[in-house]
Amino acid sequence: MSDDAKRRALAAEELDPSEITTSPDGEPLALQPIWRGDFPIDAPVDQYVARRNFARLLVLTSGAFVAGQAWLAAKDLVRKRRAPPPRITIATLKDIPVGASLVFHYPTPRDRCLLLRPEVKLLVAYSQACTHLSCAVVPRMSEGVLHCPCHQGYFDLRTGQNIAGPPPRPLPRILLTIEGTDVIATGVEERMV
């Protein structure tokens, strides 16, 4: 008899007979396979959770929720105290003819972005990092999409919305202002939907 079977046999001797059930095959508890102890089939052999253990679980779970909310509040506070993104002239209207795209960096030199001009009066700009795993998206102007070649993700060229593949959310939009012939980036709009 294995140690586990001996342990279970001793435990069965300490139980009230009404708490002992017979297994489906009718064999005594000591001869049952080990896995049956881990997956009890009825209430008498099931181990009930004590109130104290349940209270501990509730306190730990509540503490985790409070810590998560505090972390989100702190993150939001830090985000609100950041300096606003700079206003940067990224191109002139002559630099980007209809149907063309232009790579620029905004708001930092490490953040690659795309300026697109699908129509004469439509200029849009997005972060070039795919929202899936940050691969660089590539414009396909004739198809009206931005394509992520790493995992075949697609975004709508006019809106930046994720339309196919694994990307979970739209591309961050770069806010633009046109002053005279200058195209100026003024901010970044993070979008979840």
Foldseek 3Di string as FASTA:
>chain_A
DDPVLVVVVVVVVPDDVVLDDADPVRDDSSPDDPVCLVPPDDDSSDDDDDPVNVVVVVVVVVVVVVVVVVVVVVVVVVVVPDDAQDKDFFDFQVVADALGKDWDAPSDRVFIKIWHHPDSPAIWMFTQQQQPHGAGWDDDSVVQWTFRVPFGWIAGNRPQATDDTDRQGGTWTFDWDQDPRTIITGHTHDDRD
